[in-house]
C-alpha cells in the first residue's frame, strides 16, 4: 500500500527523469507496431540516456525480450508495461536493520550531500522514535563540524565534536561511548569526504571500525555510501572506488530532484549488488526517503502505464 504523501514526494522529485522517459517511451510505442530488433535497440538507447548504464540497460532489455517471447507479447505498449516489473526485479533493496546501538559510518566525497543526508537521516530516525547521536568525524575540512552541528540542531539530536585536526577514530570512540552511556539507539558517524588516496581512506576507516568494535563488537552495522545522482556516470566511478577501498553495504543516492538521470539508481544497484537504503528527492529535512523499489520505478513512469 503506497503512503501517498511519501509517494508524491518521490514522484515530484523524479519529475525531470519521468518527463524525459515518458516522451521517449511514448515516441517508441507510436513508431513501432511490432516488437523487432530495432524496437529493442531503441529501448536500450532510451534507458542508457536516462543513465541506467549500458550493462544494466542491456540486461533489462534482454529479460524483456525473453519475457515477451515466452508470453507471446507482441504489442509495444504491453512490452513497455512489462519493463516496469523487470526494473523492479533488478533493483536491490533491504529492510532497515534494528539493533541497538546501531553504528552507521557515512562515507562519500565532498559535495554529494553527505552532511545534509546525515541531518535528514537523524531527523527521520528520531521521528520513528529512535534515540540518535551524531559524530562529527570529518575533522580535516574547515567548517565541516559547524555545518553538521546546524543539521543536528535542525534534527534536534545531540552531536559530538572535537577540534579541527583531531583523530577521527578518537571522535568516533567518544561518540559510541557516549551513545552507550545515554542508551542511544543509533550512532551516525560522518567521515572525511576525500578520495585522492585510497590507502589513507582505507586506513582511516579501518581505524574507525576497530575503535567501534572495542565498544560494539558487531559494529559498524552499515557503511553507507552517499552518491550524487545528478552526476550520472561519475557516481558509478565513485561507487567503484569506494567499494574497492572499504566494505560498503548500503547506498543513499541524493539530488534526484535536480536531474533527468534518475536511472542511475537502477544501474548502480545492479552493478554493485549493494542495497539502496535511501534516496534524496529535495532539500527539505523530510526529503530523504526510505527506498522502496516498486514505488521508485512507479514514480519514473506516468500513472496510466
Protein backbone atom coordinates (compact mmCIF):
# COMPACT_ATOMS: atom_id res chain seq x y z
CA UNK A 1 0.00 0.00 0.00
CA UNK A 2 1.52 3.34 -1.01
CA UNK A 3 1.85 6.11 1.55
CA UNK A 4 0.52 8.81 -0.73
CA UNK A 5 2.35 11.74 0.85
CA UNK A 6 5.65 9.92 0.58
CA UNK A 7 4.93 8.62 -2.92
CA UNK A 8 4.02 12.13 -4.10
CA UNK A 9 7.33 13.48 -2.78
CA UNK A 10 9.28 10.80 -4.63
CA UNK A 11 7.24 11.34 -7.79
CA UNK A 12 7.74 15.10 -7.59
CA UNK A 13 11.46 14.64 -7.02
CA UNK A 14 11.83 12.42 -10.09
CA UNK A 15 9.79 14.70 -12.35
CA UNK A 16 12.70 15.53 -14.70
CA UNK A 17 13.62 11.88 -15.24
CA UNK A 18 9.97 10.91 -15.73
CA UNK A 19 9.41 13.69 -18.28
CA UNK A 20 12.35 12.53 -20.41
CA UNK A 21 11.46 8.84 -20.16
CA UNK A 22 7.76 9.45 -20.86
CA UNK A 23 8.41 11.45 -24.02
CA UNK A 24 10.87 8.93 -25.43
CA UNK A 25 8.77 5.88 -24.49
CA UNK A 26 5.60 7.40 -26.00
CA UNK A 27 7.51 8.06 -29.21
CA UNK A 28 8.84 4.50 -29.20
CA UNK A 29 5.36 2.97 -28.85
CA UNK A 30 3.97 5.24 -31.59
CA UNK A 31 6.81 4.39 -34.00
CA UNK A 32 6.56 0.61 -33.70
CA UNK A 33 3.63 -1.66 -34.43
CA UNK A 34 5.53 -4.83 -33.51
CA UNK A 35 8.47 -5.94 -31.40
CA UNK A 36 11.54 -6.35 -33.57
CA UNK A 37 15.29 -5.89 -33.13
CA UNK A 38 15.04 -2.15 -33.86
CA UNK A 39 12.42 -1.71 -31.13
CA UNK A 40 14.63 -3.37 -28.52
CA UNK A 41 17.68 -1.43 -29.72
CA UNK A 42 15.85 1.90 -29.41
CA UNK A 43 14.53 0.92 -25.97
CA UNK A 44 18.09 0.13 -24.85
CA UNK A 45 19.19 3.59 -26.04
CA UNK A 46 16.38 5.26 -24.07
CA UNK A 47 17.47 3.55 -20.85
CA UNK A 48 21.11 4.44 -21.48
CA UNK A 49 20.13 8.11 -22.00
CA UNK A 50 18.42 8.01 -18.57
CA UNK A 51 21.82 6.94 -17.20
CA UNK A 52 20.77 3.41 -16.30
CA UNK A 53 24.16 2.38 -17.73
CA UNK A 54 24.99 0.14 -20.68
CA UNK A 55 25.26 -3.25 -18.88
CA UNK A 56 22.04 -2.77 -16.87
CA UNK A 57 20.11 -1.39 -19.87
CA UNK A 58 21.16 -4.41 -21.94
CA UNK A 59 20.24 -6.77 -19.09
CA UNK A 60 16.76 -5.23 -18.68
CA UNK A 61 16.02 -5.32 -22.42
CA UNK A 62 17.33 -8.88 -22.73
CA UNK A 63 14.98 -10.00 -19.94
CA UNK A 64 12.11 -8.11 -21.59
CA UNK A 65 12.81 -9.77 -24.93
CA UNK A 66 12.73 -13.23 -23.28
CA UNK A 67 9.50 -12.46 -21.41
CA UNK A 68 7.73 -11.13 -24.50
CA UNK A 69 8.80 -14.18 -26.47
CA UNK A 70 7.75 -16.73 -23.80
CA UNK A 71 4.41 -15.00 -23.10
CA UNK A 72 3.75 -14.16 -26.78
CA UNK A 73 3.54 -10.41 -26.13
CA UNK A 74 3.65 -8.54 -29.44
CA UNK A 75 2.24 -5.12 -28.54
CA UNK A 76 4.90 -2.41 -27.84
CA UNK A 77 2.66 -0.76 -25.19
CA UNK A 78 2.35 -4.07 -23.29
CA UNK A 79 6.10 -4.62 -23.60
CA UNK A 80 6.69 -1.18 -22.10
CA UNK A 81 4.44 -2.09 -19.15
CA UNK A 82 6.39 -5.32 -18.59
CA UNK A 83 9.61 -3.30 -18.46
CA UNK A 84 8.46 -1.74 -15.17
CA UNK A 85 8.28 -5.15 -13.46
CA UNK A 86 11.73 -6.09 -14.80
CA UNK A 87 13.29 -2.88 -13.46
CA UNK A 88 11.77 -3.55 -10.02
CA UNK A 89 13.32 -7.04 -10.02
CA UNK A 90 16.74 -5.66 -10.95
CA UNK A 91 16.80 -3.21 -8.05
CA UNK A 92 18.33 -4.28 -4.73
CA UNK A 93 16.64 -3.26 -1.50
CA UNK A 94 16.80 -4.45 2.09
CA UNK A 95 14.75 -3.51 5.15
CA UNK A 96 16.45 -1.45 7.82
CA UNK A 97 18.21 -3.49 10.49
CA UNK A 98 17.06 -2.93 14.05
CA UNK A 99 19.87 -3.38 16.54
CA UNK A 100 20.96 -1.12 19.39
CA UNK A 101 23.17 0.76 19.35
CA UNK A 102 23.30 0.65 15.56
CA UNK A 103 26.52 2.25 14.28
CA UNK A 104 26.47 3.77 10.77
CA UNK A 105 29.59 5.41 9.29
CA UNK A 106 28.65 7.68 6.37
CA UNK A 107 31.16 7.90 3.51
CA UNK A 108 31.30 9.81 0.22
CA UNK A 109 33.19 12.64 -1.46
CA UNK A 110 32.60 16.26 -0.51
CA UNK A 111 29.68 17.86 -2.32
CA UNK A 112 27.43 14.81 -2.74
CA UNK A 113 25.07 15.86 0.06
CA UNK A 114 26.66 13.82 2.83
CA UNK A 115 26.21 16.41 5.60
CA UNK A 116 22.59 17.13 4.69
CA UNK A 117 21.87 13.40 4.36
CA UNK A 118 23.17 12.82 7.89
CA UNK A 119 20.89 15.54 9.24
CA UNK A 120 17.89 14.22 7.31
CA UNK A 121 18.58 10.63 8.36
CA UNK A 122 18.89 11.68 12.00
CA UNK A 123 15.59 13.55 11.77
CA UNK A 124 13.87 10.59 10.11
CA UNK A 125 15.12 8.10 12.72
CA UNK A 126 14.16 10.41 15.58
CA UNK A 127 10.65 10.73 14.13
CA UNK A 128 10.49 6.91 14.26
CA UNK A 129 11.20 7.07 17.99
CA UNK A 130 14.89 6.16 17.77
CA UNK A 131 17.41 7.95 20.01
CA UNK A 132 20.13 9.25 17.69
CA UNK A 133 23.59 10.74 18.25
CA UNK A 134 25.85 12.20 15.54
CA UNK A 135 29.65 12.03 15.37
CA UNK A 136 31.46 14.89 13.59
CA UNK A 137 34.22 12.62 12.30
CA UNK A 138 35.33 14.82 9.37
CA UNK A 139 37.97 16.70 11.33
CA UNK A 140 40.01 17.67 8.26
CA UNK A 141 37.71 20.10 6.47
CA UNK A 142 37.27 23.58 7.86
CA UNK A 143 33.66 24.20 8.96
CA UNK A 144 32.62 20.53 8.49
CA UNK A 145 31.68 20.19 12.18
CA UNK A 146 29.92 23.59 12.13
CA UNK A 147 27.78 22.60 9.15
CA UNK A 148 26.93 19.25 10.74
CA UNK A 149 26.06 20.96 14.03
CA UNK A 150 23.48 23.11 12.22
CA UNK A 151 21.82 19.95 10.85
CA UNK A 152 21.99 18.23 14.25
CA UNK A 153 20.15 21.22 15.73
CA UNK A 154 17.52 21.06 12.98
CA UNK A 155 17.03 17.36 13.67
CA UNK A 156 17.11 18.06 17.43
CA UNK A 157 19.69 15.35 18.17
CA UNK A 158 22.99 15.55 20.10
CA UNK A 159 26.35 15.78 18.30
CA UNK A 160 29.90 15.03 19.48
CA UNK A 161 32.61 17.29 18.03
CA UNK A 162 36.32 17.85 18.63
CA UNK A 163 38.70 20.49 17.35
CA UNK A 164 39.82 20.50 13.72
CA UNK A 165 42.68 18.08 13.07
CA UNK A 166 41.64 15.66 15.82
CA UNK A 167 41.93 11.91 15.18
CA UNK A 168 38.61 10.84 13.55
CA UNK A 169 38.83 7.43 15.25
CA UNK A 170 39.08 9.13 18.65
CA UNK A 171 35.95 11.19 17.92
CA UNK A 172 34.15 8.01 16.81
CA UNK A 173 35.19 6.21 20.03
CA UNK A 174 33.96 9.10 22.20
CA UNK A 175 30.65 9.21 20.34
CA UNK A 176 29.98 5.48 20.60
CA UNK A 177 30.93 5.55 24.31
CA UNK A 178 28.55 8.47 24.80
CA UNK A 179 25.82 6.60 22.90
CA UNK A 180 26.17 3.60 25.18
CA UNK A 181 26.06 5.82 28.28
CA UNK A 182 22.96 7.65 27.01
CA UNK A 183 21.32 4.42 25.80
CA UNK A 184 21.14 5.80 22.25
CA UNK A 185 19.72 3.57 19.51
CA UNK A 186 21.70 4.88 16.52
CA UNK A 187 25.16 6.42 16.07
CA UNK A 188 25.71 8.22 12.74
CA UNK A 189 29.41 8.87 12.05
CA UNK A 190 30.48 11.45 9.48
CA UNK A 191 33.82 10.72 7.77
CA UNK A 192 36.23 12.79 5.69
CA UNK A 193 34.99 13.23 2.13
CA UNK A 194 38.14 12.73 0.16
CA UNK A 195 39.21 10.00 -2.22
CA UNK A 196 42.60 11.14 -3.53
CA UNK A 197 44.44 8.37 -1.71
CA UNK A 198 42.68 5.03 -1.30
CA UNK A 199 45.31 3.76 1.14
CA UNK A 200 44.76 6.68 3.52
CA UNK A 201 40.99 6.30 3.22
CA UNK A 202 41.19 2.58 3.90
CA UNK A 203 43.49 3.05 6.91
CA UNK A 204 41.26 5.74 8.38
CA UNK A 205 38.10 3.64 8.01
CA UNK A 206 39.85 0.57 9.45
CA UNK A 207 40.89 2.63 12.49
CA UNK A 208 37.32 3.86 12.95
CA UNK A 209 35.98 0.31 12.60
CA UNK A 210 38.50 -1.03 15.12
CA UNK A 211 37.67 1.54 17.81
CA UNK A 212 33.93 0.96 17.28
CA UNK A 213 34.45 -2.78 17.84
CA UNK A 214 36.14 -2.15 21.19
CA UNK A 215 32.74 -0.92 22.38
CA UNK A 216 30.28 -2.61 19.99
CA UNK A 217 31.84 -5.92 18.84
CA UNK A 218 29.50 -6.46 15.88
CA UNK A 219 29.76 -2.85 14.60
CA UNK A 220 29.71 -0.98 12.36
CA UNK A 221 26.38 -2.33 11.17
CA UNK A 222 26.10 -0.32 7.96
CA UNK A 223 28.72 1.54 5.95
CA UNK A 224 26.51 3.91 4.00
CA UNK A 225 27.92 5.42 0.80
CA UNK A 226 26.29 8.68 -0.31
CA UNK A 227 26.30 9.35 -4.07
CA UNK A 228 25.06 12.38 -6.02
CA UNK A 229 22.56 11.02 -8.55
CA UNK A 230 22.81 14.16 -10.71
CA UNK A 231 26.43 13.34 -11.63
CA UNK A 232 25.36 10.28 -13.63
CA UNK A 233 28.32 8.14 -14.67
CA UNK A 234 30.61 9.94 -12.20
CA UNK A 235 28.52 8.41 -9.40
CA UNK A 236 29.30 4.96 -10.84
CA UNK A 237 33.02 5.74 -10.68
CA UNK A 238 32.80 6.97 -7.08
CA UNK A 239 30.91 3.81 -6.12
CA UNK A 240 33.59 1.70 -7.80
CA UNK A 241 36.43 3.44 -5.92
CA UNK A 242 34.76 3.40 -2.50
CA UNK A 243 33.73 -0.25 -2.87
CA UNK A 244 37.35 -1.10 -3.69
CA UNK A 245 38.57 0.79 -0.62
CA UNK A 246 36.10 -0.40 2.01
CA UNK A 247 33.14 -2.69 2.77
CA UNK A 248 30.23 -0.59 1.54
CA UNK A 249 26.96 -2.40 2.33
CA UNK A 250 24.32 0.33 1.87
CA UNK A 251 23.73 3.25 -0.50
CA UNK A 252 22.00 6.62 -0.36
CA UNK A 253 21.54 8.43 -3.67
CA UNK A 254 20.87 12.17 -3.42
CA UNK A 255 19.84 15.13 -5.60
CA UNK A 256 17.47 13.11 -7.77
CA UNK A 257 15.12 16.11 -7.89
CA UNK A 258 17.63 18.10 -9.94
CA UNK A 259 18.36 15.64 -12.72
CA UNK A 260 16.87 13.79 -15.68
CA UNK A 261 19.28 10.93 -14.96
CA UNK A 262 17.35 9.15 -12.19
CA UNK A 263 18.01 5.84 -13.95
CA UNK A 264 21.46 5.93 -12.36
CA UNK A 265 19.81 4.43 -9.26
CA UNK A 266 18.94 1.25 -11.17
CA UNK A 267 22.36 0.93 -12.77
CA UNK A 268 24.35 1.41 -9.56
CA UNK A 269 22.14 -1.02 -7.66
CA UNK A 270 22.57 -3.67 -10.34
CA UNK A 271 26.28 -3.20 -11.00
CA UNK A 272 27.44 -3.19 -7.37
CA UNK A 273 24.81 -5.53 -5.86
CA UNK A 274 24.50 -3.26 -2.83
CA UNK A 275 21.07 -2.39 -1.42
CA UNK A 276 19.85 1.17 -1.75
CA UNK A 277 18.52 2.35 1.61
CA UNK A 278 17.64 5.99 0.93
CA UNK A 279 17.06 8.43 -1.92
CA UNK A 280 17.17 12.21 -1.71
CA UNK A 281 14.39 13.99 -3.60
CA UNK A 282 14.70 17.55 -2.28
CA UNK A 283 16.44 19.91 0.13
CA UNK A 284 13.92 19.80 2.98
CA UNK A 285 14.68 17.78 6.10
CA UNK A 286 11.91 15.26 5.31
CA UNK A 287 13.06 14.66 1.72
CA UNK A 288 15.50 11.82 2.35
CA UNK A 289 13.17 8.88 1.81
CA UNK A 290 13.48 5.19 2.66
CA UNK A 291 13.94 3.45 -0.67
CA UNK A 292 11.04 1.35 -1.92
CA UNK A 293 11.93 -0.22 -5.27
CA UNK A 294 8.35 -0.64 -6.54
CA UNK A 295 7.43 2.96 -5.68
CA UNK A 296 10.66 4.21 -7.20
CA UNK A 297 10.01 2.51 -10.56
CA UNK A 298 6.34 3.57 -10.46
CA UNK A 299 7.46 7.17 -9.99
CA UNK A 300 9.60 7.03 -13.14
CA UNK A 301 6.55 6.35 -15.33
CA UNK A 302 3.14 8.03 -15.77
CA UNK A 303 0.12 6.72 -13.83
CA UNK A 304 -1.65 5.47 -16.95
CA UNK A 305 1.09 2.99 -17.91
